[in-house]
Amino acid sequence: MKKSRIGVFDSGVGGLTVLKKIISFLPTEDILYLADTARVPYGGRTKEEIISINREILNYFEGKKIDLVVMACGTSSSIAYPALKDDYTFPIVSLIRPGAKAALNATRNLQIGIIATIGTVNSQSYQKMISELNFEAKAFAEGCPLFVPLIEGGFFDTEETRKIAREYLSPLLSAGVDTIILGCTHFPHLSKIIQEIAGEKIVLVDPSENAALEVREIMESKKLINPKNHKGHIDYVVTGSVSHFEELGSRLLGKPIFGVKQVTVS
């Protein structure tokens, strides 16, 4: 009997936040995690570039006979997902609807903030989805272009990071939001600082948990869940530096990552 396999990808280590949730909900599943570190970050690229990059990655997964793919990247989910979601035989899970639904469940005053890459903010994907799900809700988005480079560089708790976070959060807090969507999978790695600056009354929403639940629902509905006695195995591939990903990824995942292979998808 063929074992099912899930593909998860991001421009870098951000998608590890999604991977952790998938592992916790689906411990029997084999997963191939691809970090496109040679081209990180995606957020400042053109729409055409982002779609082209994502098509290359999805083609790579198609060649690996993957059963389901998770776009564990806010920019990919915002820009590439609408263009590519119907082009493949396997289901593709994005982060936008899961994140918007979680925020609407959390908010008390229907004032929702979004922090994300410039690409995600300009696509208005979260704003449109929130409005579609609840027309009374108001969404306020702030582009945070420096967060991804800071995280990929390992600068999590520095005074410079705090200063930048204060600048990014200020307009949202002034707008009176009570909930903030972490609209890039890298951003939960800064959640401690973000919560500290925003205040304890502000709810931070990480779309990864709802996305992982959606993955489980799809896998169950398609009868793709591996047997209970199968221990899921994770393979990691990167398009950039193996050593940097192993070092930073191990730190963020909370357990050693080794055996990472470098691949070319373009």
C-alpha atoms as a PDB file:
ATOM      1  CA  MET A   1       0.000   0.000   0.000  1.00  0.00           C
ATOM      2  CA  LYS A   2       1.388   3.393  -1.040  1.00  0.00           C
ATOM      3  CA  LYS A   3       2.059   5.770   1.830  1.00  0.00           C
ATOM      4  CA  SER A   4       0.681   9.268   1.333  1.00  0.00           C
ATOM      5  CA  ARG A   5       3.022  12.255   1.354  1.00  0.00           C
ATOM      6  CA  ILE A   6       2.413  15.941   1.973  1.00  0.00           C
ATOM      7  CA  GLY A   7       4.447  18.731   0.386  1.00  0.00           C
ATOM      8  CA  VAL A   8       5.020  21.930   2.380  1.00  0.00           C
ATOM      9  CA  PHE A   9       6.936  24.929   1.074  1.00  0.00           C
ATOM     10  CA  ASP A  10       7.992  28.449   1.933  1.00  0.00           C
ATOM     11  CA  SER A  11      10.668  30.883   0.840  1.00  0.00           C
ATOM     12  CA  GLY A  12      12.622  29.988   3.988  1.00  0.00           C
ATOM     13  CA  VAL A  13      12.182  28.945   7.611  1.00  0.00           C
ATOM     14  CA  GLY A  14       8.786  30.630   8.063  1.00  0.00           C
ATOM     15  CA  GLY A  15       6.872  27.577   6.919  1.00  0.00           C
ATOM     16  CA  LEU A  16       8.285  25.590   9.830  1.00  0.00           C
ATOM     17  CA  THR A  17       5.514  27.166  11.935  1.00  0.00           C
ATOM     18  CA  VAL A  18       2.991  25.422   9.669  1.00  0.00           C
ATOM     19  CA  LEU A  19       5.014  22.212   9.565  1.00  0.00           C
ATOM     20  CA  LYS A  20       4.972  21.952  13.386  1.00  0.00           C
ATOM     21  CA  LYS A  21       1.167  22.148  13.414  1.00  0.00           C
ATOM     22  CA  ILE A  22       0.792  19.569  10.642  1.00  0.00           C
ATOM     23  CA  ILE A  23       3.102  17.165  12.485  1.00  0.00           C
ATOM     24  CA  SER A  24       1.075  17.599  15.697  1.00  0.00           C
ATOM     25  CA  PHE A  25      -2.250  16.903  13.938  1.00  0.00           C
ATOM     26  CA  LEU A  26      -0.977  14.254  11.500  1.00  0.00           C
ATOM     27  CA  PRO A  27       1.918  12.371  13.149  1.00  0.00           C
ATOM     28  CA  THR A  28       1.661   9.424  10.743  1.00  0.00           C
ATOM     29  CA  GLU A  29       2.177  11.466   7.578  1.00  0.00           C
ATOM     30  CA  ASP A  30       5.367  11.641   5.536  1.00  0.00           C
ATOM     31  CA  ILE A  31       6.215  15.240   4.633  1.00  0.00           C
ATOM     32  CA  LEU A  32       8.592  16.863   2.154  1.00  0.00           C
ATOM     33  CA  TYR A  33       9.486  20.401   3.255  1.00  0.00           C
ATOM     34  CA  LEU A  34      11.003  22.689   0.627  1.00  0.00           C
ATOM     35  CA  ALA A  35      12.647  25.978   1.619  1.00  0.00           C
ATOM     36  CA  ASP A  36      13.322  28.159  -1.420  1.00  0.00           C
ATOM     37  CA  THR A  37      16.117  29.959   0.403  1.00  0.00           C
ATOM     38  CA  ALA A  38      17.954  30.894  -2.797  1.00  0.00           C
ATOM     39  CA  ARG A  39      15.091  33.282  -3.589  1.00  0.00           C
ATOM     40  CA  VAL A  40      13.996  34.495  -0.137  1.00  0.00           C
ATOM     41  CA  PRO A  41      12.164  36.829   0.415  1.00  0.00           C
ATOM     42  CA  TYR A  42       9.213  36.635  -1.985  1.00  0.00           C
ATOM     43  CA  GLY A  43       7.426  39.699  -0.606  1.00  0.00           C
ATOM     44  CA  GLY A  44       9.079  42.355  -2.781  1.00  0.00           C
ATOM     45  CA  ARG A  45       8.853  40.435  -6.066  1.00  0.00           C
ATOM     46  CA  THR A  46       6.386  41.112  -8.873  1.00  0.00           C
ATOM     47  CA  LYS A  47       3.165  39.133  -9.184  1.00  0.00           C
ATOM     48  CA  GLU A  48       4.500  37.454 -12.331  1.00  0.00           C
ATOM     49  CA  GLU A  49       7.728  36.411 -10.589  1.00  0.00           C
ATOM     50  CA  ILE A  50       5.873  34.963  -7.608  1.00  0.00           C
ATOM     51  CA  ILE A  51       3.497  32.944  -9.791  1.00  0.00           C
ATOM     52  CA  SER A  52       6.403  31.649 -11.899  1.00  0.00           C
ATOM     53  CA  ILE A  53       8.425  30.619  -8.820  1.00  0.00           C
ATOM     54  CA  ASN A  54       5.419  28.863  -7.288  1.00  0.00           C
ATOM     55  CA  ARG A  55       4.676  27.026 -10.523  1.00  0.00           C
ATOM     56  CA  GLU A  56       8.245  25.686 -10.548  1.00  0.00           C
ATOM     57  CA  ILE A  57       7.872  24.467  -6.967  1.00  0.00           C
ATOM     58  CA  LEU A  58       4.493  22.847  -7.617  1.00  0.00           C
ATOM     59  CA  ASN A  59       5.935  21.137 -10.702  1.00  0.00           C
ATOM     60  CA  TYR A  60       8.748  19.824  -8.501  1.00  0.00           C
ATOM     61  CA  PHE A  61       6.227  18.387  -6.026  1.00  0.00           C
ATOM     62  CA  GLU A  62       4.223  16.907  -8.903  1.00  0.00           C
ATOM     63  CA  GLY A  63       7.357  15.040  -9.984  1.00  0.00           C
ATOM     64  CA  LYS A  64       7.711  13.691  -6.432  1.00  0.00           C
ATOM     65  CA  LYS A  65       4.168  12.236  -6.541  1.00  0.00           C
ATOM     66  CA  ILE A  66       2.978  14.399  -3.650  1.00  0.00           C
ATOM     67  CA  ASP A  67      -0.664  13.895  -2.560  1.00  0.00           C
ATOM     68  CA  LEU A  68      -1.345  17.396  -1.169  1.00  0.00           C
ATOM     69  CA  VAL A  69       0.637  20.642  -1.073  1.00  0.00           C
ATOM     70  CA  VAL A  70       0.548  23.381   1.564  1.00  0.00           C
ATOM     71  CA  MET A  71       1.585  26.881   0.538  1.00  0.00           C
ATOM     72  CA  ALA A  72       3.153  27.653   3.924  1.00  0.00           C
ATOM     73  CA  CYS A  73       3.900  31.182   2.781  1.00  0.00           C
ATOM     74  CA  GLY A  74       1.613  34.197   3.051  1.00  0.00           C
ATOM     75  CA  THR A  75       2.857  35.769  -0.187  1.00  0.00           C
ATOM     76  CA  SER A  76       2.382  32.545  -2.158  1.00  0.00           C
ATOM     77  CA  SER A  77      -1.065  32.036  -0.625  1.00  0.00           C
ATOM     78  CA  SER A  78      -2.086  35.593  -1.508  1.00  0.00           C
ATOM     79  CA  ILE A  79      -0.723  35.883  -5.026  1.00  0.00           C
ATOM     80  CA  ALA A  80       0.063  32.465  -6.519  1.00  0.00           C
ATOM     81  CA  TYR A  81      -2.752  30.372  -5.037  1.00  0.00           C
ATOM     82  CA  PRO A  82      -5.610  32.036  -6.980  1.00  0.00           C
ATOM     83  CA  ALA A  83      -3.649  31.669 -10.236  1.00  0.00           C
ATOM     84  CA  LEU A  84      -2.479  28.069  -9.768  1.00  0.00           C
ATOM     85  CA  LYS A  85      -4.979  26.272  -7.496  1.00  0.00           C
ATOM     86  CA  ASP A  86      -6.803  24.531 -10.361  1.00  0.00           C
ATOM     87  CA  ASP A  87      -3.739  23.603 -12.433  1.00  0.00           C
ATOM     88  CA  TYR A  88      -2.779  20.435 -10.549  1.00  0.00           C
ATOM     89  CA  THR A  89      -4.412  17.115  -9.712  1.00  0.00           C
ATOM     90  CA  PHE A  90      -3.442  17.319  -6.023  1.00  0.00           C
ATOM     91  CA  PRO A  91      -5.227  19.677  -3.597  1.00  0.00           C
ATOM     92  CA  ILE A  92      -3.404  22.880  -2.612  1.00  0.00           C
ATOM     93  CA  VAL A  93      -3.989  24.497   0.778  1.00  0.00           C
ATOM     94  CA  SER A  94      -3.426  28.231   1.253  1.00  0.00           C
ATOM     95  CA  LEU A  95      -3.330  30.257   4.477  1.00  0.00           C
ATOM     96  CA  ILE A  96      -5.738  33.088   3.662  1.00  0.00           C
ATOM     97  CA  ARG A  97      -9.171  31.623   4.438  1.00  0.00           C
ATOM     98  CA  PRO A  98      -7.955  29.741   7.552  1.00  0.00           C
ATOM     99  CA  GLY A  99      -6.317  32.933   8.851  1.00  0.00           C
ATOM    100  CA  ALA A 100      -9.303  35.168   8.140  1.00  0.00           C
ATOM    101  CA  LYS A 101     -11.734  32.718   9.782  1.00  0.00           C
ATOM    102  CA  ALA A 102      -9.555  32.436  12.881  1.00  0.00           C
ATOM    103  CA  ALA A 103      -9.343  36.236  13.175  1.00  0.00           C
ATOM    104  CA  LEU A 104     -13.107  36.661  12.863  1.00  0.00           C
ATOM    105  CA  ASN A 105     -13.611  34.043  15.575  1.00  0.00           C
ATOM    106  CA  ALA A 106     -11.186  35.894  17.846  1.00  0.00           C
ATOM    107  CA  THR A 107     -12.182  39.546  17.362  1.00  0.00           C
ATOM    108  CA  ARG A 108     -14.586  41.279  19.728  1.00  0.00           C
ATOM    109  CA  ASN A 109     -14.896  44.642  17.963  1.00  0.00           C
ATOM    110  CA  LEU A 110     -14.541  43.481  14.316  1.00  0.00           C
ATOM    111  CA  GLN A 111     -11.444  45.667  13.897  1.00  0.00           C
ATOM    112  CA  ILE A 112      -8.779  43.330  12.526  1.00  0.00           C
ATOM    113  CA  GLY A 113      -5.155  44.154  11.824  1.00  0.00           C
ATOM    114  CA  ILE A 114      -2.952  42.312   9.342  1.00  0.00           C
ATOM    115  CA  ILE A 115       0.826  42.360   9.282  1.00  0.00           C
ATOM    116  CA  ALA A 116       2.398  40.741   6.240  1.00  0.00           C
ATOM    117  CA  THR A 117       4.828  41.221   3.382  1.00  0.00           C
ATOM    118  CA  ILE A 118       4.292  44.103   0.962  1.00  0.00           C
ATOM    119  CA  GLY A 119       3.153  41.605  -1.681  1.00  0.00           C
ATOM    120  CA  THR A 120       0.471  40.127   0.566  1.00  0.00           C
ATOM    121  CA  VAL A 121      -0.760  43.542   1.712  1.00  0.00           C
ATOM    122  CA  ASN A 122      -0.954  44.894  -1.848  1.00  0.00           C
ATOM    123  CA  SER A 123      -2.850  41.804  -3.035  1.00  0.00           C
ATOM    124  CA  GLN A 124      -5.575  42.655  -0.462  1.00  0.00           C
ATOM    125  CA  SER A 125      -6.194  38.919  -0.104  1.00  0.00           C
ATOM    126  CA  TYR A 126      -6.848  39.030   3.637  1.00  0.00           C
ATOM    127  CA  GLN A 127      -8.887  42.227   3.409  1.00  0.00           C
ATOM    128  CA  LYS A 128     -11.127  40.708   0.707  1.00  0.00           C
ATOM    129  CA  MET A 129     -11.518  37.391   2.515  1.00  0.00           C
ATOM    130  CA  ILE A 130     -12.437  39.074   5.811  1.00  0.00           C
ATOM    131  CA  SER A 131     -15.025  41.216   4.016  1.00  0.00           C
ATOM    132  CA  GLU A 132     -16.389  38.160   2.206  1.00  0.00           C
ATOM    133  CA  LEU A 133     -16.810  36.249   5.467  1.00  0.00           C
ATOM    134  CA  ASN A 134     -18.200  39.212   7.445  1.00  0.00           C
ATOM    135  CA  PHE A 135     -19.045  42.467   5.653  1.00  0.00           C
ATOM    136  CA  GLU A 136     -19.251  44.339   8.983  1.00  0.00           C
ATOM    137  CA  ALA A 137     -15.607  43.663   9.846  1.00  0.00           C
ATOM    138  CA  LYS A 138     -12.920  46.227   9.076  1.00  0.00           C
ATOM    139  CA  ALA A 139      -9.402  45.202   8.101  1.00  0.00           C
ATOM    140  CA  PHE A 140      -6.274  47.320   8.470  1.00  0.00           C
ATOM    141  CA  ALA A 141      -3.081  46.037   6.844  1.00  0.00           C
ATOM    142  CA  GLU A 142       0.535  47.019   7.376  1.00  0.00           C
ATOM    143  CA  GLY A 143       3.426  45.863   5.208  1.00  0.00           C
ATOM    144  CA  CYS A 144       6.462  44.688   7.195  1.00  0.00           C
ATOM    145  CA  PRO A 145       9.262  44.197   4.643  1.00  0.00           C
ATOM    146  CA  LEU A 146      12.111  43.983   7.164  1.00  0.00           C
ATOM    147  CA  PHE A 147      10.722  41.184   9.329  1.00  0.00           C
ATOM    148  CA  VAL A 148      11.608  38.289   6.987  1.00  0.00           C
ATOM    149  CA  PRO A 149      15.267  39.337   6.486  1.00  0.00           C
ATOM    150  CA  LEU A 150      15.604  39.832  10.258  1.00  0.00           C
ATOM    151  CA  ILE A 151      14.214  36.361  10.982  1.00  0.00           C
ATOM    152  CA  GLU A 152      16.217  34.640   8.235  1.00  0.00           C
ATOM    153  CA  GLY A 153      19.278  36.351   9.707  1.00  0.00           C
ATOM    154  CA  GLY A 154      18.459  35.053  13.195  1.00  0.00           C
ATOM    155  CA  PHE A 155      17.781  38.508  14.709  1.00  0.00           C
ATOM    156  CA  PHE A 156      14.791  37.649  16.893  1.00  0.00           C
ATOM    157  CA  ASP A 157      15.196  39.629  20.081  1.00  0.00           C
ATOM    158  CA  THR A 158      17.326  42.685  19.377  1.00  0.00           C
ATOM    159  CA  GLU A 159      16.672  46.344  20.069  1.00  0.00           C
ATOM    160  CA  GLU A 160      16.638  47.017  16.324  1.00  0.00           C
ATOM    161  CA  THR A 161      13.957  44.344  15.818  1.00  0.00           C
ATOM    162  CA  ARG A 162      11.864  45.883  18.616  1.00  0.00           C
ATOM    163  CA  LYS A 163      12.218  49.367  17.131  1.00  0.00           C
ATOM    164  CA  ILE A 164      11.077  48.153  13.702  1.00  0.00           C
ATOM    165  CA  ALA A 165       8.183  46.191  15.243  1.00  0.00           C
ATOM    166  CA  ARG A 166       6.982  49.297  17.108  1.00  0.00           C
ATOM    167  CA  GLU A 167       6.961  51.279  13.850  1.00  0.00           C
ATOM    168  CA  TYR A 168       4.996  48.585  12.013  1.00  0.00           C
ATOM    169  CA  LEU A 169       2.424  48.049  14.782  1.00  0.00           C
ATOM    170  CA  SER A 170       1.788  51.711  15.615  1.00  0.00           C
ATOM    171  CA  PRO A 171      -0.765  52.431  12.816  1.00  0.00           C
ATOM    172  CA  LEU A 172      -2.755  49.279  13.634  1.00  0.00           C
ATOM    173  CA  LEU A 173      -2.905  50.018  17.340  1.00  0.00           C
ATOM    174  CA  SER A 174      -3.945  53.608  16.570  1.00  0.00           C
ATOM    175  CA  ALA A 175      -6.765  52.219  14.410  1.00  0.00           C
ATOM    176  CA  GLY A 176      -8.141  50.340  17.434  1.00  0.00           C
ATOM    177  CA  VAL A 177      -7.685  46.748  16.270  1.00  0.00           C
ATOM    178  CA  ASP A 178      -8.176  44.047  18.893  1.00  0.00           C
ATOM    179  CA  THR A 179      -6.874  41.200  16.739  1.00  0.00           C
ATOM    180  CA  ILE A 180      -3.798  40.978  14.514  1.00  0.00           C
ATOM    181  CA  ILE A 181      -3.247  38.312  11.866  1.00  0.00           C
ATOM    182  CA  LEU A 182       0.365  37.210  11.525  1.00  0.00           C
ATOM    183  CA  GLY A 183       0.008  37.180   7.742  1.00  0.00           C
ATOM    184  CA  CYS A 184       3.446  35.756   6.994  1.00  0.00           C
ATOM    185  CA  THR A 185       4.558  32.372   8.322  1.00  0.00           C
ATOM    186  CA  HIS A 186       7.856  33.892   9.442  1.00  0.00           C
ATOM    187  CA  PHE A 187       6.127  36.301  11.834  1.00  0.00           C
ATOM    188  CA  PRO A 188       5.149  33.842  14.624  1.00  0.00           C
ATOM    189  CA  HIS A 189       8.891  33.627  15.300  1.00  0.00           C
ATOM    190  CA  LEU A 190       8.569  37.251  16.505  1.00  0.00           C
ATOM    191  CA  SER A 191       5.275  36.732  18.360  1.00  0.00           C
ATOM    192  CA  LYS A 192       6.841  37.329  21.781  1.00  0.00           C
ATOM    193  CA  ILE A 193       8.052  40.806  20.787  1.00  0.00           C
ATOM    194  CA  ILE A 194       4.874  41.597  18.832  1.00  0.00           C
ATOM    195  CA  GLN A 195       2.655  40.631  21.793  1.00  0.00           C
ATOM    196  CA  GLU A 196       4.807  42.631  24.180  1.00  0.00           C
ATOM    197  CA  ILE A 197       4.490  45.779  22.042  1.00  0.00           C
ATOM    198  CA  ALA A 198       0.814  45.295  21.126  1.00  0.00           C
ATOM    199  CA  GLY A 199      -0.260  44.531  24.694  1.00  0.00           C
ATOM    200  CA  GLU A 200      -1.871  41.496  26.292  1.00  0.00           C
ATOM    201  CA  LYS A 201      -5.404  42.498  25.240  1.00  0.00           C
ATOM    202  CA  ILE A 202      -4.541  42.158  21.549  1.00  0.00           C
ATOM    203  CA  VAL A 203      -5.117  38.662  20.141  1.00  0.00           C
ATOM    204  CA  LEU A 204      -2.436  37.431  17.743  1.00  0.00           C
ATOM    205  CA  VAL A 205      -3.747  35.007  15.128  1.00  0.00           C
ATOM    206  CA  ASP A 206      -1.409  32.462  13.560  1.00  0.00           C
ATOM    207  CA  PRO A 207      -3.161  30.963  10.479  1.00  0.00           C
ATOM    208  CA  SER A 208      -1.013  27.824  10.623  1.00  0.00           C
ATOM    209  CA  GLU A 209      -3.223  25.935  13.092  1.00  0.00           C
ATOM    210  CA  ASN A 210      -6.401  26.368  11.044  1.00  0.00           C
ATOM    211  CA  ALA A 211      -4.463  25.543   7.864  1.00  0.00           C
ATOM    212  CA  ALA A 212      -3.186  22.319   9.444  1.00  0.00           C
ATOM    213  CA  LEU A 213      -6.743  21.398  10.448  1.00  0.00           C
ATOM    214  CA  GLU A 214      -7.831  21.961   6.834  1.00  0.00           C
ATOM    215  CA  VAL A 215      -5.031  19.646   5.686  1.00  0.00           C
ATOM    216  CA  ARG A 216      -6.283  16.949   8.055  1.00  0.00           C
ATOM    217  CA  GLU A 217      -9.870  17.351   6.845  1.00  0.00           C
ATOM    218  CA  ILE A 218      -8.834  16.990   3.196  1.00  0.00           C
ATOM    219  CA  MET A 219      -6.580  14.006   3.909  1.00  0.00           C
ATOM    220  CA  GLU A 220      -9.392  12.299   5.838  1.00  0.00           C
ATOM    221  CA  SER A 221     -12.003  13.023   3.167  1.00  0.00           C
ATOM    222  CA  LYS A 222      -9.753  11.566   0.460  1.00  0.00           C
ATOM    223  CA  LYS A 223      -8.829   8.596   2.681  1.00  0.00           C
ATOM    224  CA  LEU A 224      -5.148   9.476   2.457  1.00  0.00           C
ATOM    225  CA  ILE A 225      -4.288   9.219   6.162  1.00  0.00           C
ATOM    226  CA  ASN A 226      -1.464   6.736   6.725  1.00  0.00           C
ATOM    227  CA  PRO A 227      -2.008   3.751   9.080  1.00  0.00           C
ATOM    228  CA  LYS A 228      -1.731   4.495  12.815  1.00  0.00           C
ATOM    229  CA  ASN A 229       1.334   2.279  13.140  1.00  0.00           C
ATOM    230  CA  HIS A 230       3.248   4.338  10.558  1.00  0.00           C
ATOM    231  CA  LYS A 231       5.642   6.913  12.013  1.00  0.00           C
ATOM    232  CA  GLY A 232       5.725   9.973   9.795  1.00  0.00           C
ATOM    233  CA  HIS A 233       9.083  10.917   8.260  1.00  0.00           C
ATOM    234  CA  ILE A 234      10.141  14.461   7.364  1.00  0.00           C
ATOM    235  CA  ASP A 235      12.525  15.188   4.481  1.00  0.00           C
ATOM    236  CA  TYR A 236      13.963  18.674   4.041  1.00  0.00           C
ATOM    237  CA  VAL A 237      15.250  20.202   0.818  1.00  0.00           C
ATOM    238  CA  VAL A 238      16.528  23.724   0.187  1.00  0.00           C
ATOM    239  CA  THR A 239      17.527  25.724  -2.865  1.00  0.00           C
ATOM    240  CA  GLY A 240      20.165  27.713  -0.938  1.00  0.00           C
ATOM    241  CA  SER A 241      22.595  27.037   1.918  1.00  0.00           C
ATOM    242  CA  VAL A 242      22.136  23.685   3.647  1.00  0.00           C
ATOM    243  CA  SER A 243      24.161  24.589   6.760  1.00  0.00           C
ATOM    244  CA  HIS A 244      22.323  27.870   7.396  1.00  0.00           C
ATOM    245  CA  PHE A 245      18.921  26.169   7.116  1.00  0.00           C
ATOM    246  CA  GLU A 246      19.957  23.295   9.384  1.00  0.00           C
ATOM    247  CA  GLU A 247      21.266  25.694  12.032  1.00  0.00           C
ATOM    248  CA  LEU A 248      18.401  28.216  11.974  1.00  0.00           C
ATOM    249  CA  GLY A 249      15.704  25.613  11.308  1.00  0.00           C
ATOM    250  CA  SER A 250      16.810  23.462  14.256  1.00  0.00           C
ATOM    251  CA  ARG A 251      16.665  26.509  16.497  1.00  0.00           C
ATOM    252  CA  LEU A 252      13.145  27.410  15.370  1.00  0.00           C
ATOM    253  CA  LEU A 253      11.708  23.894  15.209  1.00  0.00           C
ATOM    254  CA  GLY A 254      13.086  23.060  18.641  1.00  0.00           C
ATOM    255  CA  LYS A 255      14.759  19.847  17.514  1.00  0.00           C
ATOM    256  CA  PRO A 256      17.684  18.980  15.259  1.00  0.00           C
ATOM    257  CA  ILE A 257      17.246  19.161  11.510  1.00  0.00           C
ATOM    258  CA  PHE A 258      19.819  17.158   9.585  1.00  0.00           C
ATOM    259  CA  GLY A 259      20.186  15.357   6.278  1.00  0.00           C
ATOM    260  CA  VAL A 260      18.983  18.430   4.383  1.00  0.00           C
ATOM    261  CA  LYS A 261      19.578  18.221   0.639  1.00  0.00           C
ATOM    262  CA  GLN A 262      20.097  21.046  -1.820  1.00  0.00           C
ATOM    263  CA  VAL A 263      17.905  20.893  -4.924  1.00  0.00           C
ATOM    264  CA  THR A 264      17.203  22.957  -8.017  1.00  0.00           C
ATOM    265  CA  VAL A 265      13.573  23.619  -8.891  1.00  0.00           C
ATOM    266  CA  SER A 266      13.956  26.330 -11.555  1.00  0.00           C
END
